[in-house]
Protein backbone atom coordinates (compact mmCIF):
# COMPACT_ATOMS: atom_id res chain seq x y z
CA MET A 1 -0.05 -0.32 0.41
CA ASP A 2 1.47 3.17 -1.06
CA SER A 3 1.38 6.91 0.66
CA PHE A 4 -1.16 7.66 -1.52
CA GLU A 5 -3.97 5.11 -0.22
CA ILE A 6 -3.31 5.89 3.55
CA ASN A 7 -3.55 9.36 2.59
CA LYS A 8 -7.38 8.42 1.35
CA ILE A 9 -7.99 6.66 3.83
CA ILE A 10 -7.05 9.25 6.35
CA ALA A 11 -9.06 11.51 4.43
CA ALA A 12 -12.21 9.65 4.71
CA ILE A 13 -12.08 9.43 8.16
CA LEU A 14 -11.70 12.54 8.31
CA LEU A 15 -14.02 13.65 6.29
CA THR A 16 -16.99 11.25 7.61
CA ALA A 17 -15.68 12.76 11.16
CA LEU A 18 -16.54 16.56 10.11
CA ILE A 19 -19.90 15.15 8.57
CA VAL A 20 -20.94 13.77 12.08
CA ILE A 21 -20.16 16.62 13.84
CA GLY A 22 -21.87 18.95 11.40
CA ILE A 23 -25.09 17.12 11.31
CA GLY A 24 -25.08 17.34 14.96
CA LYS A 25 -24.58 20.93 15.09
CA PHE A 26 -27.23 21.16 12.25
CA ALA A 27 -29.30 19.03 14.04
CA ASP A 28 -28.99 21.46 17.14
CA VAL A 29 -29.40 24.71 15.13
CA LEU A 30 -32.83 23.03 13.67
CA PHE A 31 -34.30 21.36 16.90
CA HIS A 32 -34.17 23.97 19.18
CA VAL A 33 -34.95 23.18 22.78
CA GLU A 34 -35.73 25.26 25.52
CA LYS A 35 -35.63 23.90 28.69
CA PRO A 36 -38.60 24.14 31.57
CA LYS A 37 -37.97 27.19 34.24
CA GLU A 38 -40.03 24.59 36.65
CA SER A 39 -38.60 21.20 37.69
CA ALA A 40 -41.48 18.54 35.86
CA TYR A 41 -40.86 16.02 39.14
CA GLN A 42 -41.65 17.73 42.52
CA ILE A 43 -41.20 15.54 45.82
CA GLU A 44 -44.43 16.36 47.84
CA GLY A 45 -43.51 17.25 51.52
CA LEU A 46 -40.34 19.27 50.89
CA GLU A 47 -40.70 23.40 51.16
CA ILE A 48 -38.76 25.51 51.02
CA VAL A 49 -38.72 27.22 54.53
CA SER A 50 -36.71 30.96 53.62
CA ASN A 51 -34.47 31.77 50.96
CA GLU A 52 -31.93 34.87 51.00
CA LYS A 53 -30.29 35.88 47.80
CA LYS A 54 -27.30 36.20 47.61
CA SER A 55 -25.69 39.66 47.30
CA ASP A 56 -22.65 41.69 46.41
CA ASN A 57 -20.77 41.17 50.18
CA ASN A 58 -20.87 37.39 49.42
CA VAL A 59 -23.99 36.25 51.47
CA LYS A 60 -24.48 31.89 51.10
CA GLU A 61 -27.61 31.51 49.22
CA ILE A 62 -29.52 29.52 51.88
CA ALA A 63 -32.04 27.25 51.00
CA GLN A 64 -33.58 25.71 54.37
CA VAL A 65 -36.12 22.40 53.91
CA ASP A 66 -38.10 20.83 56.77
CA ILE A 67 -34.83 18.41 57.92
CA ALA A 68 -37.92 16.12 59.61
CA GLN A 69 -39.45 15.59 56.47
CA LEU A 70 -36.32 15.65 54.64
CA LEU A 71 -35.41 12.77 56.89
CA SER A 72 -38.20 10.90 56.89
CA LEU A 73 -36.71 10.32 52.99
CA GLY A 74 -34.06 8.29 53.76
CA ASP A 75 -33.21 4.81 55.45
CA LEU A 76 -29.59 3.26 57.33
CA ALA A 77 -29.28 0.61 54.84
CA HIS A 78 -29.28 3.02 51.75
CA GLY A 79 -27.10 4.93 53.79
CA GLU A 80 -24.86 2.56 54.29
CA LYS A 81 -24.57 1.95 50.76
CA VAL A 82 -24.10 5.58 49.70
CA PHE A 83 -21.56 6.12 52.29
CA LYS A 84 -19.35 3.71 50.39
CA LYS A 85 -18.58 6.97 48.35
CA CYS A 86 -17.43 8.84 51.16
CA SER A 87 -15.26 5.81 52.81
CA ALA A 88 -12.31 6.54 49.67
CA CYS A 89 -11.84 9.27 51.94
CA HIS A 90 -13.32 9.13 55.65
CA MET A 91 -13.48 6.32 58.43
CA ILE A 92 -16.35 6.24 60.25
CA ALA A 93 -15.39 4.22 63.09
CA SER A 94 -15.21 4.48 67.00
CA ASP A 95 -11.47 3.64 67.40
CA GLY A 96 -11.20 4.89 63.31
CA LYS A 97 -8.01 6.79 61.89
CA ASN A 98 -7.81 9.75 59.81
CA MET A 99 -7.53 9.16 56.17
CA ILE A 100 -7.56 11.69 53.71
CA GLY A 101 -10.48 12.90 55.16
CA PRO A 102 -11.18 12.99 59.20
CA ASN A 103 -13.13 10.09 60.35
CA LEU A 104 -16.46 10.34 60.82
CA TRP A 105 -17.17 8.56 64.01
CA GLY A 106 -20.08 10.81 66.13
CA VAL A 107 -19.60 14.19 63.54
CA ILE A 108 -23.37 14.95 63.75
CA GLY A 109 -22.96 17.14 67.26
CA ARG A 110 -19.39 17.83 66.59
CA THR A 111 -18.01 21.33 65.97
CA ALA A 112 -16.18 21.21 62.35
CA GLY A 113 -12.84 21.53 62.36
CA SER A 114 -12.31 20.21 65.77
CA ILE A 115 -10.24 16.90 65.24
CA SER A 116 -7.04 17.38 67.12
CA ASP A 117 -4.95 14.83 65.25
CA TYR A 118 -6.34 16.03 61.42
CA LYS A 119 -5.01 19.05 59.62
CA TYR A 120 -8.12 20.46 58.18
CA SER A 121 -8.28 23.51 55.36
CA LYS A 122 -8.27 26.70 56.84
CA ALA A 123 -11.80 27.51 55.91
CA MET A 124 -13.35 24.62 57.49
CA VAL A 125 -11.30 25.64 60.90
CA ALA A 126 -12.52 29.13 60.51
CA TYR A 127 -16.20 28.25 59.80
CA GLY A 128 -16.46 26.35 63.19
CA LYS A 129 -19.97 25.54 63.30
CA GLU A 130 -21.89 22.61 65.07
CA TRP A 131 -22.84 19.82 62.62
CA SER A 132 -26.47 19.90 62.95
CA PHE A 133 -28.68 17.90 60.75
CA GLU A 134 -29.59 21.27 58.80
CA GLU A 135 -25.55 22.06 58.59
CA MET A 136 -24.66 18.60 57.17
CA ASN A 137 -27.47 18.91 54.60
CA SER A 138 -26.40 21.98 53.35
CA TYR A 139 -23.04 21.11 53.30
CA LEU A 140 -23.43 17.69 51.40
CA ILE A 141 -25.31 19.39 48.64
CA LYS A 142 -21.83 20.50 47.02
CA PRO A 143 -19.63 20.89 50.23
CA GLN A 144 -17.22 23.07 47.78
CA ALA A 145 -20.02 25.57 47.49
CA TYR A 146 -21.24 25.48 50.74
CA ILE A 147 -17.45 26.23 52.59
CA LYS A 148 -15.53 28.12 49.84
CA GLY A 149 -11.73 26.81 50.36
CA THR A 150 -12.34 23.19 52.19
CA LYS A 151 -10.05 20.73 50.50
CA MET A 152 -12.65 18.29 50.08
CA ALA A 153 -13.14 17.81 46.49
CA PHE A 154 -16.29 15.36 46.62
CA ALA A 155 -18.74 16.55 44.00
CA GLY A 156 -21.86 16.58 46.48
CA LEU A 157 -24.98 14.67 47.13
CA ARG A 158 -27.63 15.75 44.36
CA LYS A 159 -30.77 13.77 46.04
CA GLU A 160 -32.50 14.50 48.89
CA LYS A 161 -32.85 10.28 49.65
CA ASP A 162 -29.34 10.15 49.15
CA ARG A 163 -28.18 12.82 51.57
CA ALA A 164 -30.84 12.01 54.17
CA SER A 165 -30.25 8.48 54.13
CA VAL A 166 -25.95 9.47 54.81
CA ILE A 167 -26.95 11.83 57.70
CA LEU A 168 -28.95 9.11 59.42
CA TYR A 169 -25.92 6.42 58.80
CA MET A 170 -23.75 9.21 60.11
CA ASN A 171 -26.01 9.96 62.93
CA SER A 172 -25.73 6.20 63.92
CA LYS A 173 -22.55 6.22 63.88
CA SER A 174 -22.28 7.41 67.36
CA ALA A 175 -21.62 6.46 71.08
CA THR A 176 -24.56 8.76 71.48
CA PRO A 177 -26.68 9.75 68.17
CA LYS A 178 -28.57 12.81 68.43
CA PRO A 179 -32.61 12.41 68.62
CA LEU A 180 -34.17 12.88 64.97
CA PRO A 181 -35.90 16.25 64.73
């Protein structure tokens, strides 16, 4: 096979790729679909209690849900399954060691950034609030957006059932679990 034949084969492959990409772009222009402004699937029972808008002076947008109703969506078995995503970096055992992230034994009710033998980010130490059910829910949606500067690189848990289940699971992993709201 000479170089002219190889050039024809490569040209045919490139032309095919260009045609496929071109058809895709043309179809996007031809069949433009507008996304709905409101979600078509609503979960009953979860209501937004308050909503503070983000302003120029870096105030976080806070959308609080009724935590009791949110936690009613979760269950411990599902939380244990979802927590496997977290177990790559965190351990949750009473005598567990810190890994990439701190040991999460008894985290609900503990002050953020308070384990002495773990090196937290400056943002987490400065945050310093107690991990309540509401705080943990807000944090688990998207950690880096909730506490800017945290070194936790986890994308977050978007589904309410996943968050509720993980929070219930983490609360159960404590010497003195907090009573549910």
